[in-house]
Amino acid sequence: MDPPSYGRGANGEVWQFEENIYDLVKLCQKVLSKDPLFFLINSYTTGISSKVLENILNLCIDKKHGGRVYGGEIGLQMKEGKLVLPCGIYGRWEK
């Protein structure tokens, strides 16, 4: 899933990744199959660590289903040299 950093609902509700991602993952966990294979979140929200996503997945998904949790950065390899342009983060739970 690729939730937005910020948004507004039809009735003026405010969505902010930092404040609402935990609740969103909790809701998603309720609709997973009885034996899910994976759950993936990526985000381009600045100021959030991949460790945050790992912690949320550990609390919401891994606690119920077991498995493994990974996290890291998403980046673009520069054409010249070995530099990577950081673009976002991801968190992944898998069975």
Protein backbone atom coordinates (compact mmCIF):
# COMPACT_ATOMS: atom_id res chain seq x y z
CA MET A 1 0.00 0.00 0.00
CA ASP A 2 1.12 3.52 -0.72
CA PRO A 3 -0.78 5.90 1.57
CA PRO A 4 -0.50 9.65 0.98
CA SER A 5 1.54 11.96 3.19
CA TYR A 6 -1.42 14.30 3.57
CA GLY A 7 -4.99 14.54 2.35
CA ARG A 8 -8.52 15.71 3.02
CA GLY A 9 -11.73 13.72 2.93
CA ALA A 10 -15.05 14.74 1.37
CA ASN A 11 -16.23 16.16 4.71
CA GLY A 12 -13.00 17.98 5.53
CA GLU A 13 -11.39 15.10 7.45
CA VAL A 14 -7.62 15.43 7.56
CA TRP A 15 -5.26 12.53 6.84
CA GLN A 16 -1.63 12.83 7.96
CA PHE A 17 0.69 9.89 7.52
CA GLU A 18 2.51 10.48 10.79
CA GLU A 19 -0.70 10.54 12.81
CA ASN A 20 -2.87 8.02 10.97
CA ILE A 21 -0.66 5.22 9.60
CA TYR A 22 -0.94 3.05 12.71
CA ASP A 23 -4.75 3.14 12.64
CA LEU A 24 -4.77 2.41 8.89
CA VAL A 25 -2.59 -0.67 9.33
CA LYS A 26 -4.80 -1.86 12.21
CA LEU A 27 -7.85 -1.57 9.93
CA CYS A 28 -6.07 -3.37 7.08
CA GLN A 29 -5.04 -6.17 9.43
CA LYS A 30 -8.74 -6.89 10.03
CA VAL A 31 -9.36 -7.69 6.35
CA LEU A 32 -6.32 -9.90 5.76
CA SER A 33 -6.97 -13.55 5.04
CA LYS A 34 -6.61 -16.06 7.87
CA ASP A 35 -3.20 -17.01 6.50
CA PRO A 36 -1.73 -13.91 4.79
CA LEU A 37 1.54 -14.13 2.85
CA PHE A 38 2.78 -10.55 3.01
CA PHE A 39 1.92 -6.93 3.79
CA LEU A 40 3.87 -4.06 2.23
CA ILE A 41 3.83 -0.33 2.96
CA ASN A 42 5.86 2.31 1.18
CA SER A 43 5.92 6.02 1.84
CA TYR A 44 7.50 9.15 0.46
CA THR A 45 6.69 11.17 3.56
CA THR A 46 9.74 13.06 4.75
CA GLY A 47 10.90 12.78 8.34
CA ILE A 48 9.66 9.22 8.93
CA SER A 49 12.08 6.37 9.52
CA SER A 50 11.61 2.89 8.11
CA LYS A 51 11.94 1.72 11.71
CA VAL A 52 8.54 3.34 12.39
CA LEU A 53 6.96 1.12 9.73
CA GLU A 54 8.78 -1.93 11.10
CA ASN A 55 7.47 -1.20 14.59
CA ILE A 56 3.89 -0.76 13.35
CA LEU A 57 4.07 -4.02 11.40
CA ASN A 58 5.49 -5.81 14.44
CA LEU A 59 2.65 -4.50 16.61
CA CYS A 60 -0.22 -4.98 14.17
CA ILE A 61 0.61 -7.87 11.84
CA ASP A 62 3.49 -9.93 13.23
CA LYS A 63 1.96 -10.07 16.70
CA LYS A 64 -1.09 -11.89 15.30
CA HIS A 65 0.37 -13.89 12.39
CA GLY A 66 4.07 -14.40 13.20
CA GLY A 67 6.59 -14.11 10.39
CA ARG A 68 9.34 -11.60 9.67
CA VAL A 69 9.42 -7.83 9.37
CA TYR A 70 11.83 -5.87 7.18
CA GLY A 71 12.28 -2.19 6.50
CA GLY A 72 14.57 0.10 4.59
CA GLU A 73 14.99 2.99 2.24
CA ILE A 74 13.79 3.37 -1.33
CA GLY A 75 16.31 5.11 -3.57
CA LEU A 76 17.40 5.82 -7.10
CA GLN A 77 20.91 4.88 -8.17
CA MET A 78 22.72 7.87 -9.66
CA LYS A 79 23.80 7.33 -13.26
CA GLU A 80 27.36 8.38 -12.51
CA GLY A 81 29.07 6.95 -9.44
CA LYS A 82 27.83 4.96 -6.48
CA LEU A 83 25.52 7.51 -4.91
CA VAL A 84 21.87 6.74 -4.19
CA LEU A 85 19.22 9.46 -4.07
CA PRO A 86 16.93 8.61 -1.11
CA CYS A 87 13.26 8.79 -2.11
CA GLY A 88 11.26 7.08 0.60
CA ILE A 89 10.93 4.15 2.96
CA TYR A 90 9.25 0.75 3.06
CA GLY A 91 8.14 -1.77 5.64
CA ARG A 92 7.34 -5.39 4.79
CA TRP A 93 5.90 -8.24 6.77
CA GLU A 94 6.01 -11.74 5.31
CA LYS A 95 5.09 -15.20 6.48
